[in-house]
Amino acid sequence: MSTPERVAWLQGCGAHLREVLAEWDRGALAPVPVGRAWEVVRMEKHLGWRTVQRLQTVGAGVGPVLLTGTHMGFLVPVGTAASWKAPNTGVLADGDFLSAPDPAVVAPLTNRCRTWVIAPDSYVSLNDPAALLEAYLAAWKDDQRKMREAKR
């Protein structure tokens, strides 16, 4: 992946590109500012995988998704955090930072327990918040149903 492709998704987010590239070149995570070009919706890893599957099943586009040791983060348009209402989720918005690996680090590769499931690229198409919410709530409700059944 060429340098312009690696950093295209960072345009407009306020990242110091030289610092980000230096971190990635030495194999580290880079602190990338959130809230100017995109925000992040975070959810538990198992629900994140089910959400990705549901989005793909219904033919919704899946934009950049970061996998950490415990969570998945979906990059979404600015403004999503203010209206996001879903159980057991969180958001990163203006003033927050995302510890991001190089976009070339895609599963099954990892960098400090982080990998891109779907890496950002020069054609960054963010996750649609309405489709993401619908897919997540379906996965969450299914998870709740399974937990109730397991208690019986």
N, C-alpha and C. Protein backbone atom coordinates (compact mmCIF):
# COMPACT_ATOMS: atom_id res chain seq x y z
N MET A 1 0.86 -1.17 0.00
CA MET A 1 0.00 0.00 0.00
C MET A 1 0.91 1.23 0.00
N SER A 2 0.69 2.12 -0.93
CA SER A 2 1.52 3.31 -1.04
C SER A 2 1.18 4.32 0.06
N THR A 3 2.07 5.24 0.32
CA THR A 3 1.84 6.23 1.36
C THR A 3 0.57 7.04 1.13
N PRO A 4 0.30 7.54 -0.10
CA PRO A 4 -0.96 8.28 -0.28
C PRO A 4 -2.20 7.45 0.05
N GLU A 5 -2.18 6.16 -0.28
CA GLU A 5 -3.32 5.30 0.05
C GLU A 5 -3.43 5.09 1.56
N ARG A 6 -2.29 5.00 2.25
CA ARG A 6 -2.28 4.78 3.70
C ARG A 6 -2.88 5.94 4.46
N VAL A 7 -2.71 7.16 3.95
CA VAL A 7 -3.13 8.33 4.72
C VAL A 7 -4.35 9.04 4.16
N ALA A 8 -4.87 8.61 3.03
CA ALA A 8 -6.02 9.31 2.42
C ALA A 8 -7.19 9.44 3.38
N TRP A 9 -7.45 8.42 4.16
CA TRP A 9 -8.58 8.44 5.09
C TRP A 9 -8.38 9.41 6.25
N LEU A 10 -7.14 9.87 6.42
CA LEU A 10 -6.84 10.80 7.50
C LEU A 10 -7.05 12.26 7.12
N GLN A 11 -7.26 12.51 5.83
CA GLN A 11 -7.44 13.89 5.38
C GLN A 11 -8.62 14.53 6.12
N GLY A 12 -8.39 15.67 6.67
CA GLY A 12 -9.45 16.41 7.33
C GLY A 12 -9.70 16.03 8.77
N CYS A 13 -8.99 15.02 9.29
CA CYS A 13 -9.28 14.62 10.68
C CYS A 13 -8.38 15.34 11.68
N GLY A 14 -7.38 16.06 11.20
CA GLY A 14 -6.51 16.79 12.11
C GLY A 14 -5.28 16.02 12.55
N ALA A 15 -5.04 14.86 11.94
CA ALA A 15 -3.86 14.08 12.30
C ALA A 15 -2.61 14.73 11.75
N HIS A 16 -1.51 14.59 12.47
CA HIS A 16 -0.21 15.04 12.00
C HIS A 16 0.36 13.88 11.18
N LEU A 17 0.24 13.99 9.86
CA LEU A 17 0.55 12.86 8.99
C LEU A 17 1.97 12.33 9.16
N ARG A 18 2.94 13.21 9.32
CA ARG A 18 4.32 12.74 9.50
C ARG A 18 4.46 11.91 10.78
N GLU A 19 3.80 12.37 11.84
CA GLU A 19 3.87 11.64 13.10
C GLU A 19 3.16 10.28 12.99
N VAL A 20 2.01 10.27 12.33
CA VAL A 20 1.27 9.03 12.14
C VAL A 20 2.11 8.04 11.34
N LEU A 21 2.67 8.50 10.23
CA LEU A 21 3.49 7.61 9.40
C LEU A 21 4.72 7.12 10.15
N ALA A 22 5.32 7.99 10.95
CA ALA A 22 6.49 7.58 11.72
C ALA A 22 6.12 6.46 12.71
N GLU A 23 4.99 6.60 13.36
CA GLU A 23 4.54 5.56 14.29
C GLU A 23 4.29 4.25 13.55
N TRP A 24 3.58 4.32 12.44
CA TRP A 24 3.29 3.11 11.67
C TRP A 24 4.56 2.48 11.13
N ASP A 25 5.49 3.30 10.67
CA ASP A 25 6.74 2.76 10.12
C ASP A 25 7.58 2.04 11.17
N ARG A 26 7.42 2.42 12.42
CA ARG A 26 8.15 1.71 13.47
C ARG A 26 7.30 0.61 14.10
N GLY A 27 6.14 0.32 13.49
CA GLY A 27 5.30 -0.79 13.94
C GLY A 27 4.41 -0.48 15.13
N ALA A 28 4.19 0.80 15.40
CA ALA A 28 3.38 1.19 16.55
C ALA A 28 1.98 1.63 16.11
N LEU A 29 1.12 1.80 17.09
CA LEU A 29 -0.19 2.39 16.85
C LEU A 29 -0.03 3.90 16.83
N ALA A 30 -0.86 4.58 16.06
CA ALA A 30 -0.81 6.04 15.99
C ALA A 30 -2.08 6.64 16.58
N PRO A 31 -1.95 7.69 17.38
CA PRO A 31 -3.14 8.38 17.90
C PRO A 31 -3.75 9.24 16.78
N VAL A 32 -4.96 8.91 16.41
CA VAL A 32 -5.64 9.61 15.32
C VAL A 32 -6.84 10.35 15.90
N PRO A 33 -6.92 11.67 15.70
CA PRO A 33 -8.04 12.43 16.25
C PRO A 33 -9.38 12.02 15.62
N VAL A 34 -10.38 11.98 16.48
CA VAL A 34 -11.74 11.62 16.07
C VAL A 34 -12.61 12.87 16.16
N GLY A 35 -13.62 12.96 15.31
CA GLY A 35 -14.62 14.00 15.46
C GLY A 35 -14.64 15.07 14.40
N ARG A 36 -13.61 15.15 13.58
CA ARG A 36 -13.61 16.17 12.53
C ARG A 36 -13.98 15.58 11.17
N ALA A 37 -13.49 14.40 10.85
CA ALA A 37 -13.79 13.76 9.56
C ALA A 37 -14.72 12.57 9.73
N TRP A 38 -14.70 11.99 10.91
CA TRP A 38 -15.54 10.83 11.21
C TRP A 38 -15.56 10.61 12.72
N GLU A 39 -16.49 9.80 13.17
CA GLU A 39 -16.59 9.40 14.57
C GLU A 39 -16.54 7.87 14.61
N VAL A 40 -16.56 7.32 15.80
CA VAL A 40 -16.47 5.87 15.96
C VAL A 40 -17.58 5.38 16.88
N VAL A 41 -18.28 4.34 16.45
CA VAL A 41 -19.23 3.63 17.31
C VAL A 41 -18.54 2.35 17.75
N ARG A 42 -18.45 2.15 19.07
CA ARG A 42 -17.78 0.96 19.63
C ARG A 42 -18.82 0.01 20.22
N MET A 43 -18.56 -1.28 20.03
CA MET A 43 -19.42 -2.32 20.59
C MET A 43 -18.59 -3.53 20.95
N GLU A 44 -19.15 -4.38 21.80
CA GLU A 44 -18.44 -5.60 22.18
C GLU A 44 -18.12 -6.41 20.93
N LYS A 45 -16.97 -7.07 20.98
CA LYS A 45 -16.45 -7.78 19.82
C LYS A 45 -17.44 -8.80 19.26
N HIS A 46 -18.06 -9.61 20.11
CA HIS A 46 -18.95 -10.65 19.57
C HIS A 46 -20.16 -10.04 18.88
N LEU A 47 -20.66 -8.92 19.40
CA LEU A 47 -21.78 -8.25 18.73
C LEU A 47 -21.32 -7.52 17.47
N GLY A 48 -20.08 -7.06 17.49
CA GLY A 48 -19.53 -6.40 16.30
C GLY A 48 -19.45 -7.35 15.12
N TRP A 49 -18.98 -8.58 15.39
CA TRP A 49 -18.91 -9.57 14.30
C TRP A 49 -20.29 -9.87 13.75
N ARG A 50 -21.28 -10.02 14.65
CA ARG A 50 -22.65 -10.30 14.19
C ARG A 50 -23.22 -9.11 13.42
N THR A 51 -22.85 -7.92 13.83
CA THR A 51 -23.32 -6.71 13.13
C THR A 51 -22.73 -6.66 11.72
N VAL A 52 -21.44 -6.94 11.59
CA VAL A 52 -20.82 -6.98 10.26
C VAL A 52 -21.53 -8.01 9.38
N GLN A 53 -21.78 -9.19 9.94
CA GLN A 53 -22.45 -10.25 9.17
C GLN A 53 -23.84 -9.81 8.73
N ARG A 54 -24.58 -9.16 9.61
CA ARG A 54 -25.93 -8.70 9.26
C ARG A 54 -25.87 -7.62 8.18
N LEU A 55 -24.93 -6.71 8.29
CA LEU A 55 -24.79 -5.66 7.27
C LEU A 55 -24.50 -6.30 5.91
N GLN A 56 -23.61 -7.28 5.89
CA GLN A 56 -23.28 -7.96 4.64
C GLN A 56 -24.46 -8.76 4.10
N THR A 57 -25.21 -9.40 4.99
CA THR A 57 -26.36 -10.21 4.58
C THR A 57 -27.43 -9.38 3.89
N VAL A 58 -27.66 -8.17 4.40
CA VAL A 58 -28.70 -7.31 3.80
C VAL A 58 -28.15 -6.47 2.66
N GLY A 59 -26.88 -6.62 2.35
CA GLY A 59 -26.29 -5.90 1.23
C GLY A 59 -25.92 -4.47 1.52
N ALA A 60 -25.87 -4.13 2.80
CA ALA A 60 -25.45 -2.77 3.16
C ALA A 60 -23.93 -2.71 3.06
N GLY A 61 -23.42 -1.61 2.61
CA GLY A 61 -21.97 -1.46 2.55
C GLY A 61 -21.40 -1.44 3.95
N VAL A 62 -20.23 -2.02 4.11
CA VAL A 62 -19.55 -1.99 5.40
C VAL A 62 -18.30 -1.16 5.21
N GLY A 63 -18.22 -0.06 5.94
CA GLY A 63 -17.06 0.81 5.88
C GLY A 63 -15.99 0.34 6.84
N PRO A 64 -15.04 1.19 7.16
CA PRO A 64 -13.92 0.80 8.02
C PRO A 64 -14.37 0.30 9.39
N VAL A 65 -13.77 -0.82 9.80
CA VAL A 65 -14.06 -1.43 11.10
C VAL A 65 -12.75 -1.85 11.73
N LEU A 66 -12.51 -1.40 12.95
CA LEU A 66 -11.29 -1.73 13.69
C LEU A 66 -11.63 -2.74 14.78
N LEU A 67 -10.84 -3.79 14.87
CA LEU A 67 -11.00 -4.81 15.90
C LEU A 67 -9.91 -4.63 16.95
N THR A 68 -10.33 -4.56 18.22
CA THR A 68 -9.38 -4.52 19.33
C THR A 68 -9.51 -5.84 20.09
N GLY A 69 -8.85 -5.95 21.20
CA GLY A 69 -8.94 -7.18 21.98
C GLY A 69 -10.34 -7.47 22.49
N THR A 70 -11.13 -6.43 22.74
CA THR A 70 -12.45 -6.61 23.34
C THR A 70 -13.59 -5.98 22.56
N HIS A 71 -13.30 -5.05 21.66
CA HIS A 71 -14.34 -4.28 20.98
C HIS A 71 -14.10 -4.18 19.48
N MET A 72 -15.13 -3.72 18.80
CA MET A 72 -15.01 -3.35 17.40
C MET A 72 -15.46 -1.90 17.28
N GLY A 73 -14.75 -1.14 16.45
CA GLY A 73 -15.08 0.26 16.23
C GLY A 73 -15.43 0.49 14.77
N PHE A 74 -16.60 1.04 14.54
CA PHE A 74 -17.10 1.32 13.19
C PHE A 74 -16.96 2.81 12.93
N LEU A 75 -16.25 3.19 11.88
CA LEU A 75 -16.13 4.60 11.53
C LEU A 75 -17.43 5.06 10.88
N VAL A 76 -17.98 6.16 11.41
CA VAL A 76 -19.27 6.69 10.98
C VAL A 76 -19.15 8.20 10.74
N PRO A 77 -20.12 8.78 10.04
CA PRO A 77 -20.07 10.22 9.79
C PRO A 77 -20.12 11.05 11.07
N VAL A 78 -19.52 12.22 11.00
CA VAL A 78 -19.57 13.18 12.10
C VAL A 78 -21.04 13.52 12.37
N GLY A 79 -21.39 13.58 13.64
CA GLY A 79 -22.76 13.86 14.05
C GLY A 79 -23.48 12.62 14.55
N THR A 80 -22.94 11.46 14.24
CA THR A 80 -23.57 10.20 14.67
C THR A 80 -23.56 10.08 16.18
N ALA A 81 -22.45 10.44 16.82
CA ALA A 81 -22.31 10.26 18.26
C ALA A 81 -23.39 10.99 19.05
N ALA A 82 -23.78 12.17 18.58
CA ALA A 82 -24.77 12.97 19.30
C ALA A 82 -26.13 12.30 19.35
N SER A 83 -26.45 11.50 18.35
CA SER A 83 -27.77 10.89 18.30
C SER A 83 -27.75 9.37 18.49
N TRP A 84 -26.57 8.79 18.68
CA TRP A 84 -26.47 7.33 18.79
C TRP A 84 -27.07 6.87 20.12
N LYS A 85 -28.06 6.00 20.04
CA LYS A 85 -28.70 5.45 21.23
C LYS A 85 -28.85 3.95 21.02
N ALA A 86 -27.96 3.20 21.59
CA ALA A 86 -28.04 1.74 21.52
C ALA A 86 -27.40 1.16 22.78
N PRO A 87 -28.01 0.12 23.32
CA PRO A 87 -27.48 -0.47 24.55
C PRO A 87 -26.10 -1.09 24.36
N ASN A 88 -25.29 -1.00 25.39
CA ASN A 88 -23.97 -1.63 25.43
C ASN A 88 -23.04 -1.18 24.30
N THR A 89 -23.16 0.07 23.91
CA THR A 89 -22.26 0.63 22.91
C THR A 89 -21.69 1.93 23.45
N GLY A 90 -20.68 2.43 22.78
CA GLY A 90 -20.11 3.71 23.14
C GLY A 90 -19.69 4.43 21.87
N VAL A 91 -19.32 5.67 22.02
CA VAL A 91 -18.90 6.45 20.86
C VAL A 91 -17.62 7.20 21.18
N LEU A 92 -16.84 7.42 20.15
CA LEU A 92 -15.70 8.32 20.21
C LEU A 92 -16.05 9.49 19.31
N ALA A 93 -15.91 10.69 19.83
CA ALA A 93 -16.28 11.88 19.07
C ALA A 93 -15.21 12.95 19.25
N ASP A 94 -15.55 14.19 18.94
CA ASP A 94 -14.60 15.29 18.98
C ASP A 94 -13.85 15.32 20.30
N GLY A 95 -12.53 15.37 20.21
CA GLY A 95 -11.68 15.40 21.39
C GLY A 95 -11.12 14.04 21.76
N ASP A 96 -11.66 12.98 21.18
CA ASP A 96 -11.16 11.63 21.45
C ASP A 96 -10.11 11.26 20.40
N PHE A 97 -9.37 10.21 20.71
CA PHE A 97 -8.36 9.70 19.79
C PHE A 97 -8.57 8.20 19.60
N LEU A 98 -8.30 7.75 18.39
CA LEU A 98 -8.35 6.33 18.06
C LEU A 98 -6.91 5.85 17.93
N SER A 99 -6.54 4.82 18.68
CA SER A 99 -5.20 4.22 18.55
C SER A 99 -5.27 3.27 17.36
N ALA A 100 -4.78 3.73 16.23
CA ALA A 100 -4.99 3.02 14.97
C ALA A 100 -3.71 2.38 14.43
N PRO A 101 -3.84 1.14 13.97
CA PRO A 101 -2.71 0.54 13.26
C PRO A 101 -2.70 1.03 11.82
N ASP A 102 -1.61 0.80 11.15
CA ASP A 102 -1.49 1.08 9.72
C ASP A 102 -2.63 0.36 9.00
N PRO A 103 -3.25 0.96 8.00
CA PRO A 103 -4.32 0.28 7.25
C PRO A 103 -3.88 -1.01 6.58
N ALA A 104 -2.56 -1.22 6.47
CA ALA A 104 -2.07 -2.49 5.91
C ALA A 104 -2.20 -3.63 6.91
N VAL A 105 -2.48 -3.31 8.17
CA VAL A 105 -2.65 -4.34 9.21
C VAL A 105 -4.12 -4.76 9.19
N VAL A 106 -4.38 -5.80 8.40
CA VAL A 106 -5.74 -6.31 8.22
C VAL A 106 -5.76 -7.75 8.72
N ALA A 107 -6.85 -8.14 9.38
CA ALA A 107 -6.97 -9.50 9.93
C ALA A 107 -6.56 -10.51 8.86
N PRO A 108 -5.76 -11.51 9.22
CA PRO A 108 -5.41 -11.96 10.57
C PRO A 108 -4.18 -11.29 11.18
N LEU A 109 -3.54 -10.35 10.49
CA LEU A 109 -2.41 -9.63 11.08
C LEU A 109 -2.92 -8.75 12.23
N THR A 110 -2.08 -8.55 13.23
CA THR A 110 -2.45 -7.66 14.34
C THR A 110 -1.27 -6.80 14.73
N ASN A 111 -1.56 -5.70 15.39
CA ASN A 111 -0.55 -4.82 15.95
C ASN A 111 -1.06 -4.44 17.33
N ARG A 112 -0.43 -4.99 18.37
CA ARG A 112 -0.85 -4.72 19.74
C ARG A 112 -2.34 -4.99 19.94
N CYS A 113 -2.77 -6.14 19.48
CA CYS A 113 -4.16 -6.60 19.60
C CYS A 113 -5.14 -5.74 18.82
N ARG A 114 -4.68 -5.06 17.79
CA ARG A 114 -5.57 -4.26 16.94
C ARG A 114 -5.34 -4.63 15.49
N THR A 115 -6.44 -4.72 14.76
CA THR A 115 -6.38 -5.01 13.34
C THR A 115 -7.60 -4.43 12.67
N TRP A 116 -7.45 -4.11 11.42
CA TRP A 116 -8.61 -3.65 10.64
C TRP A 116 -9.34 -4.88 10.10
N VAL A 117 -10.62 -4.96 10.35
CA VAL A 117 -11.47 -5.98 9.71
C VAL A 117 -11.72 -5.51 8.29
N ILE A 118 -12.08 -4.25 8.20
CA ILE A 118 -12.20 -3.58 6.90
C ILE A 118 -11.40 -2.29 7.05
N ALA A 119 -10.32 -2.22 6.30
CA ALA A 119 -9.40 -1.09 6.44
C ALA A 119 -9.91 0.14 5.70
N PRO A 120 -9.61 1.31 6.24
CA PRO A 120 -9.91 2.53 5.51
C PRO A 120 -8.98 2.63 4.31
N ASP A 121 -9.48 3.18 3.24
CA ASP A 121 -8.64 3.34 2.05
C ASP A 121 -8.87 4.71 1.46
N SER A 122 -8.37 4.91 0.27
CA SER A 122 -8.49 6.23 -0.35
C SER A 122 -9.92 6.57 -0.75
N TYR A 123 -10.80 5.59 -0.75
CA TYR A 123 -12.21 5.81 -1.10
C TYR A 123 -13.06 5.59 0.14
N VAL A 124 -12.72 6.26 1.21
CA VAL A 124 -13.38 6.01 2.49
C VAL A 124 -14.88 6.22 2.36
N SER A 125 -15.58 5.13 2.50
CA SER A 125 -17.02 5.14 2.57
C SER A 125 -17.36 4.74 3.99
N LEU A 126 -17.83 5.67 4.76
CA LEU A 126 -18.10 5.40 6.17
C LEU A 126 -19.32 4.51 6.33
N ASN A 127 -19.44 3.92 7.50
CA ASN A 127 -20.60 3.08 7.79
C ASN A 127 -21.84 3.96 7.93
N ASP A 128 -22.93 3.52 7.32
CA ASP A 128 -24.19 4.23 7.40
C ASP A 128 -24.78 4.04 8.80
N PRO A 129 -24.99 5.12 9.55
CA PRO A 129 -25.45 4.98 10.94
C PRO A 129 -26.79 4.26 11.07
N ALA A 130 -27.74 4.53 10.17
CA ALA A 130 -29.06 3.88 10.27
C ALA A 130 -28.94 2.38 10.03
N ALA A 131 -28.19 2.00 9.01
CA ALA A 131 -28.01 0.57 8.72
C ALA A 131 -27.22 -0.10 9.85
N LEU A 132 -26.22 0.60 10.38
CA LEU A 132 -25.42 0.07 11.48
C LEU A 132 -26.29 -0.15 12.71
N LEU A 133 -27.11 0.83 13.04
CA LEU A 133 -27.99 0.71 14.21
C LEU A 133 -28.96 -0.45 14.04
N GLU A 134 -29.56 -0.56 12.89
CA GLU A 134 -30.52 -1.64 12.64
C GLU A 134 -29.84 -3.01 12.76
N ALA A 135 -28.67 -3.14 12.17
CA ALA A 135 -27.95 -4.42 12.23
C ALA A 135 -27.51 -4.72 13.66
N TYR A 136 -27.03 -3.70 14.36
CA TYR A 136 -26.58 -3.91 15.74
C TYR A 136 -27.76 -4.31 16.62
N LEU A 137 -28.87 -3.60 16.53
CA LEU A 137 -30.01 -3.91 17.40
C LEU A 137 -30.53 -5.32 17.14
N ALA A 138 -30.52 -5.76 15.89
CA ALA A 138 -30.94 -7.12 15.57
C ALA A 138 -29.98 -8.13 16.22
N ALA A 139 -28.69 -7.87 16.14
CA ALA A 139 -27.70 -8.76 16.75
C ALA A 139 -27.84 -8.74 18.27
N TRP A 140 -28.04 -7.57 18.84
CA TRP A 140 -28.17 -7.43 20.30
C TRP A 140 -29.42 -8.16 20.79
N LYS A 141 -30.55 -7.97 20.11
CA LYS A 141 -31.79 -8.65 20.50
C LYS A 141 -31.64 -10.16 20.41
N ASP A 142 -30.98 -10.63 19.37
CA ASP A 142 -30.73 -12.06 19.23
C ASP A 142 -29.86 -12.56 20.38
N ASP A 143 -28.85 -11.79 20.75
CA ASP A 143 -27.97 -12.15 21.85
C ASP A 143 -28.76 -12.20 23.16
N GLN A 144 -29.64 -11.23 23.39
CA GLN A 144 -30.45 -11.20 24.60
C GLN A 144 -31.39 -12.41 24.66
N ARG A 145 -31.97 -12.76 23.53
CA ARG A 145 -32.86 -13.93 23.46
C ARG A 145 -32.09 -15.20 23.82
N LYS A 146 -30.89 -15.35 23.26
CA LYS A 146 -30.08 -16.54 23.54
C LYS A 146 -29.68 -16.61 25.01
N MET A 147 -29.40 -15.47 25.62
CA MET A 147 -29.03 -15.46 27.04
C MET A 147 -30.23 -15.86 27.89
N ARG A 148 -31.44 -15.40 27.55
CA ARG A 148 -32.65 -15.78 28.30
C ARG A 148 -32.90 -17.27 28.18
N GLU A 149 -32.74 -17.80 26.97
CA GLU A 149 -32.95 -19.23 26.75
C GLU A 149 -31.94 -20.07 27.52
N ALA A 150 -30.71 -19.59 27.61
CA ALA A 150 -29.67 -20.33 28.32
C ALA A 150 -29.93 -20.39 29.82
N LYS A 151 -30.67 -19.42 30.35
CA LYS A 151 -30.97 -19.38 31.78
C LYS A 151 -32.09 -20.34 32.16
N ARG A 152 -32.84 -20.80 31.17
CA ARG A 152 -33.99 -21.67 31.47
C ARG A 152 -33.55 -23.04 31.85
